[in-house]
Amino acid sequence: MTVLVRPAHTDELPEIGELTVRAYAADSYVGPEDDYARQLRDTVTRAREAELYVAHVGERIVGTVTFCEQGSPWCELAQTGEAEFRMLAVDPSARRQGVAAALVGVCIERARELGATALLLASLPEQQPAHRLYEGLGFRRTPDLDWSPAEGVELLAFRLDL
């Protein structure tokens, strides 16, 4: 299976939002009507304020990620000279086929193009398959950056020095 990653097209934004919610809901990370689900669906704002990428196999979109360069309002962890990615989502039917690795790879390339010194991300503790992927790509846990965006939600930080 060949996975291609490219910037999202405007006419794909609704589909990308639904894919993101579907991926998060499949693992019970979000309910379809949760506040966070509304944020996941808001691809128009993300595409305007950050960089939105899609992975596709043939004509089918199978994944997405939001890349945030320094200064983007979507950055949660990145400091001066760093970049970050968020909302990595792979359609449940396309998992374990290299889609997530391809999306993260584009984020690493983009961060290097921009001259970032590091690429960061935050992940739920239960997202252990994703943690294995990140660590396999060279990210390391950075507990001093762990944080909580809402009561009862703890996020683990990961960092890749570039």
C-alpha atoms as a PDB file:
ATOM      1  CA  MET A   1       0.000   0.000   0.000  1.00  0.00           C
ATOM      2  CA  THR A   2       1.402   3.371  -1.024  1.00  0.00           C
ATOM      3  CA  VAL A   3       0.588   6.227   1.356  1.00  0.00           C
ATOM      4  CA  LEU A   4       0.932   9.733  -0.047  1.00  0.00           C
ATOM      5  CA  VAL A   5       0.835  12.828   2.170  1.00  0.00           C
ATOM      6  CA  ARG A   6       0.031  16.312   0.915  1.00  0.00           C
ATOM      7  CA  PRO A   7      -1.535  19.565   2.113  1.00  0.00           C
ATOM      8  CA  ALA A   8      -5.306  19.346   2.484  1.00  0.00           C
ATOM      9  CA  HIS A   9      -7.527  20.878  -0.183  1.00  0.00           C
ATOM     10  CA  THR A  10     -10.322  23.243   0.836  1.00  0.00           C
ATOM     11  CA  ASP A  11     -13.058  20.994  -0.552  1.00  0.00           C
ATOM     12  CA  GLU A  12     -11.784  18.131   1.652  1.00  0.00           C
ATOM     13  CA  LEU A  13     -12.068  19.971   4.978  1.00  0.00           C
ATOM     14  CA  PRO A  14     -15.485  18.588   6.046  1.00  0.00           C
ATOM     15  CA  GLU A  15     -14.390  15.018   5.271  1.00  0.00           C
ATOM     16  CA  ILE A  16     -11.139  15.531   7.192  1.00  0.00           C
ATOM     17  CA  GLY A  17     -13.031  16.789  10.243  1.00  0.00           C
ATOM     18  CA  GLU A  18     -15.316  13.756  10.231  1.00  0.00           C
ATOM     19  CA  LEU A  19     -12.390  11.385   9.758  1.00  0.00           C
ATOM     20  CA  THR A  20     -10.639  12.947  12.757  1.00  0.00           C
ATOM     21  CA  VAL A  21     -13.696  12.569  14.989  1.00  0.00           C
ATOM     22  CA  ARG A  22     -14.256   9.008  13.764  1.00  0.00           C
ATOM     23  CA  ALA A  23     -10.650   8.052  14.563  1.00  0.00           C
ATOM     24  CA  TYR A  24     -10.754   9.556  18.061  1.00  0.00           C
ATOM     25  CA  ALA A  25     -14.207   8.099  18.774  1.00  0.00           C
ATOM     26  CA  ALA A  26     -13.117   4.604  17.669  1.00  0.00           C
ATOM     27  CA  ASP A  27     -10.759   4.538  20.657  1.00  0.00           C
ATOM     28  CA  SER A  28     -13.263   6.239  22.985  1.00  0.00           C
ATOM     29  CA  TYR A  29     -11.108   9.370  23.272  1.00  0.00           C
ATOM     30  CA  VAL A  30     -14.047  11.572  22.340  1.00  0.00           C
ATOM     31  CA  GLY A  31     -17.795  11.290  21.928  1.00  0.00           C
ATOM     32  CA  PRO A  32     -19.298  12.536  18.650  1.00  0.00           C
ATOM     33  CA  GLU A  33     -20.857  15.580  20.339  1.00  0.00           C
ATOM     34  CA  ASP A  34     -18.168  16.419  22.927  1.00  0.00           C
ATOM     35  CA  ASP A  35     -16.707  19.921  22.946  1.00  0.00           C
ATOM     36  CA  TYR A  36     -13.418  18.479  21.722  1.00  0.00           C
ATOM     37  CA  ALA A  37     -15.221  16.748  18.833  1.00  0.00           C
ATOM     38  CA  ARG A  38     -16.395  20.175  17.684  1.00  0.00           C
ATOM     39  CA  GLN A  39     -12.784  21.368  17.753  1.00  0.00           C
ATOM     40  CA  LEU A  40     -11.653  18.285  15.820  1.00  0.00           C
ATOM     41  CA  ARG A  41     -14.288  19.006  13.150  1.00  0.00           C
ATOM     42  CA  ASP A  42     -13.210  22.648  12.810  1.00  0.00           C
ATOM     43  CA  THR A  43     -10.798  22.029   9.965  1.00  0.00           C
ATOM     44  CA  VAL A  44     -11.489  25.417   8.422  1.00  0.00           C
ATOM     45  CA  THR A  45      -9.942  27.219  11.384  1.00  0.00           C
ATOM     46  CA  ARG A  46      -7.060  24.728  11.663  1.00  0.00           C
ATOM     47  CA  ALA A  47      -6.253  25.069   7.959  1.00  0.00           C
ATOM     48  CA  ARG A  48      -6.236  28.860   8.316  1.00  0.00           C
ATOM     49  CA  GLU A  49      -4.145  29.017  11.505  1.00  0.00           C
ATOM     50  CA  ALA A  50      -1.853  26.009  11.021  1.00  0.00           C
ATOM     51  CA  GLU A  51      -0.963  23.529   8.271  1.00  0.00           C
ATOM     52  CA  LEU A  52      -3.363  20.665   7.663  1.00  0.00           C
ATOM     53  CA  TYR A  53      -2.074  17.547   5.894  1.00  0.00           C
ATOM     54  CA  VAL A  54      -3.843  14.461   4.624  1.00  0.00           C
ATOM     55  CA  ALA A  55      -2.642  10.965   3.888  1.00  0.00           C
ATOM     56  CA  HIS A  56      -4.336   9.161   1.075  1.00  0.00           C
ATOM     57  CA  VAL A  57      -4.223   5.785  -0.597  1.00  0.00           C
ATOM     58  CA  GLY A  58      -5.435   6.132  -4.135  1.00  0.00           C
ATOM     59  CA  GLU A  59      -8.337   8.585  -3.986  1.00  0.00           C
ATOM     60  CA  ARG A  60      -9.260   7.736  -0.390  1.00  0.00           C
ATOM     61  CA  ILE A  61      -8.228  10.006   2.503  1.00  0.00           C
ATOM     62  CA  VAL A  62      -7.082   7.728   5.319  1.00  0.00           C
ATOM     63  CA  GLY A  63      -5.401  10.107   7.773  1.00  0.00           C
ATOM     64  CA  THR A  64      -4.662  13.666   8.780  1.00  0.00           C
ATOM     65  CA  VAL A  65      -2.428  15.743  11.011  1.00  0.00           C
ATOM     66  CA  THR A  66      -2.213  19.410  11.993  1.00  0.00           C
ATOM     67  CA  PHE A  67       1.307  20.883  11.882  1.00  0.00           C
ATOM     68  CA  CYS A  68       1.863  24.013  13.962  1.00  0.00           C
ATOM     69  CA  GLU A  69       4.809  26.241  13.384  1.00  0.00           C
ATOM     70  CA  GLN A  70       5.970  28.694  16.001  1.00  0.00           C
ATOM     71  CA  GLY A  71       3.361  31.380  16.594  1.00  0.00           C
ATOM     72  CA  SER A  72       0.359  29.285  15.564  1.00  0.00           C
ATOM     73  CA  PRO A  73      -2.520  29.571  18.052  1.00  0.00           C
ATOM     74  CA  TRP A  74      -2.713  25.750  17.840  1.00  0.00           C
ATOM     75  CA  CYS A  75       0.662  25.347  19.567  1.00  0.00           C
ATOM     76  CA  GLU A  76       0.327  24.004  23.086  1.00  0.00           C
ATOM     77  CA  LEU A  77       3.925  23.035  23.880  1.00  0.00           C
ATOM     78  CA  ALA A  78       6.277  24.562  21.300  1.00  0.00           C
ATOM     79  CA  GLN A  79       8.453  27.425  22.438  1.00  0.00           C
ATOM     80  CA  THR A  80      10.587  29.835  20.411  1.00  0.00           C
ATOM     81  CA  GLY A  81      12.248  28.038  17.513  1.00  0.00           C
ATOM     82  CA  GLU A  82      10.215  24.834  17.944  1.00  0.00           C
ATOM     83  CA  ALA A  83       7.291  23.272  16.067  1.00  0.00           C
ATOM     84  CA  GLU A  84       4.499  20.927  17.090  1.00  0.00           C
ATOM     85  CA  PHE A  85       1.907  18.621  15.637  1.00  0.00           C
ATOM     86  CA  ARG A  86      -1.564  17.807  16.865  1.00  0.00           C
ATOM     87  CA  MET A  87      -4.689  15.880  16.039  1.00  0.00           C
ATOM     88  CA  LEU A  88      -2.962  12.988  14.293  1.00  0.00           C
ATOM     89  CA  ALA A  89      -5.795  10.727  13.143  1.00  0.00           C
ATOM     90  CA  VAL A  90      -5.913   7.577  11.036  1.00  0.00           C
ATOM     91  CA  ASP A  91      -9.126   6.012   9.783  1.00  0.00           C
ATOM     92  CA  PRO A  92      -9.649   2.854  11.880  1.00  0.00           C
ATOM     93  CA  SER A  93      -9.814   0.745   8.695  1.00  0.00           C
ATOM     94  CA  ALA A  94      -6.344   1.942   7.618  1.00  0.00           C
ATOM     95  CA  ARG A  95      -4.389   1.502  10.838  1.00  0.00           C
ATOM     96  CA  ARG A  96      -1.129  -0.443  11.088  1.00  0.00           C
ATOM     97  CA  GLN A  97      -0.314   0.295   7.455  1.00  0.00           C
ATOM     98  CA  GLY A  98       2.206   3.132   7.840  1.00  0.00           C
ATOM     99  CA  VAL A  99      -0.256   6.016   7.618  1.00  0.00           C
ATOM    100  CA  ALA A 100       0.616   7.590  10.971  1.00  0.00           C
ATOM    101  CA  ALA A 101       4.354   7.199  10.342  1.00  0.00           C
ATOM    102  CA  ALA A 102       3.973   8.920   6.949  1.00  0.00           C
ATOM    103  CA  LEU A 103       2.060  11.829   8.513  1.00  0.00           C
ATOM    104  CA  VAL A 104       4.583  12.257  11.338  1.00  0.00           C
ATOM    105  CA  GLY A 105       7.389  12.042   8.772  1.00  0.00           C
ATOM    106  CA  VAL A 106       5.950  15.015   6.900  1.00  0.00           C
ATOM    107  CA  CYS A 107       5.788  16.969  10.161  1.00  0.00           C
ATOM    108  CA  ILE A 108       9.450  16.172  10.859  1.00  0.00           C
ATOM    109  CA  GLU A 109      10.423  17.279   7.343  1.00  0.00           C
ATOM    110  CA  ARG A 110       8.371  20.467   7.635  1.00  0.00           C
ATOM    111  CA  ALA A 111       9.890  21.341  11.021  1.00  0.00           C
ATOM    112  CA  ARG A 112      13.377  20.885   9.566  1.00  0.00           C
ATOM    113  CA  GLU A 113      12.481  23.036   6.526  1.00  0.00           C
ATOM    114  CA  LEU A 114      11.451  25.831   8.889  1.00  0.00           C
ATOM    115  CA  GLY A 115      14.679  25.502  10.889  1.00  0.00           C
ATOM    116  CA  ALA A 116      12.951  24.370  14.081  1.00  0.00           C
ATOM    117  CA  THR A 117      15.213  23.025  16.797  1.00  0.00           C
ATOM    118  CA  ALA A 118      12.626  20.496  17.984  1.00  0.00           C
ATOM    119  CA  LEU A 119       9.240  18.977  17.163  1.00  0.00           C
ATOM    120  CA  LEU A 120       6.830  18.380  20.041  1.00  0.00           C
ATOM    121  CA  LEU A 121       3.509  16.698  20.652  1.00  0.00           C
ATOM    122  CA  ALA A 122       1.162  15.787  23.496  1.00  0.00           C
ATOM    123  CA  SER A 123      -0.638  12.457  23.779  1.00  0.00           C
ATOM    124  CA  LEU A 124      -3.060  10.767  26.142  1.00  0.00           C
ATOM    125  CA  PRO A 125      -1.465   8.131  28.414  1.00  0.00           C
ATOM    126  CA  GLU A 126      -3.663   5.392  26.924  1.00  0.00           C
ATOM    127  CA  GLN A 127      -2.427   6.055  23.378  1.00  0.00           C
ATOM    128  CA  GLN A 128       0.408   3.576  23.831  1.00  0.00           C
ATOM    129  CA  PRO A 129       0.536   2.335  20.215  1.00  0.00           C
ATOM    130  CA  ALA A 130       1.144   5.953  19.178  1.00  0.00           C
ATOM    131  CA  HIS A 131       3.815   6.318  21.871  1.00  0.00           C
ATOM    132  CA  ARG A 132       5.670   3.317  20.422  1.00  0.00           C
ATOM    133  CA  LEU A 133       5.521   4.932  16.968  1.00  0.00           C
ATOM    134  CA  TYR A 134       6.846   8.256  18.279  1.00  0.00           C
ATOM    135  CA  GLU A 135       9.663   6.615  20.205  1.00  0.00           C
ATOM    136  CA  GLY A 136      10.549   4.513  17.143  1.00  0.00           C
ATOM    137  CA  LEU A 137      10.882   7.754  15.164  1.00  0.00           C
ATOM    138  CA  GLY A 138      13.257   9.214  17.773  1.00  0.00           C
ATOM    139  CA  PHE A 139      10.894  11.195  20.004  1.00  0.00           C
ATOM    140  CA  ARG A 140      11.549  10.981  23.713  1.00  0.00           C
ATOM    141  CA  ARG A 141       9.196  11.429  26.635  1.00  0.00           C
ATOM    142  CA  THR A 142       9.532  14.879  28.165  1.00  0.00           C
ATOM    143  CA  PRO A 143       7.700  14.677  31.516  1.00  0.00           C
ATOM    144  CA  ASP A 144       8.514  18.271  32.484  1.00  0.00           C
ATOM    145  CA  LEU A 145       6.173  19.382  29.669  1.00  0.00           C
ATOM    146  CA  ASP A 146       3.256  17.085  30.608  1.00  0.00           C
ATOM    147  CA  TRP A 147       0.103  19.101  31.158  1.00  0.00           C
ATOM    148  CA  SER A 148      -3.645  19.052  31.618  1.00  0.00           C
ATOM    149  CA  PRO A 149      -5.951  20.983  29.247  1.00  0.00           C
ATOM    150  CA  ALA A 150      -9.049  20.129  31.299  1.00  0.00           C
ATOM    151  CA  GLU A 151      -9.958  18.522  34.581  1.00  0.00           C
ATOM    152  CA  GLY A 152      -9.401  14.779  34.377  1.00  0.00           C
ATOM    153  CA  VAL A 153      -7.374  14.981  31.149  1.00  0.00           C
ATOM    154  CA  GLU A 154      -3.628  14.438  31.443  1.00  0.00           C
ATOM    155  CA  LEU A 155      -1.370  14.735  28.411  1.00  0.00           C
ATOM    156  CA  LEU A 156       2.121  13.298  28.043  1.00  0.00           C
ATOM    157  CA  ALA A 157       4.715  15.318  26.155  1.00  0.00           C
ATOM    158  CA  PHE A 158       7.140  13.963  23.557  1.00  0.00           C
ATOM    159  CA  ARG A 159      10.033  15.800  21.904  1.00  0.00           C
ATOM    160  CA  LEU A 160      12.259  15.168  18.908  1.00  0.00           C
ATOM    161  CA  ASP A 161      15.402  17.276  18.783  1.00  0.00           C
ATOM    162  CA  LEU A 162      16.185  18.258  15.193  1.00  0.00           C
END
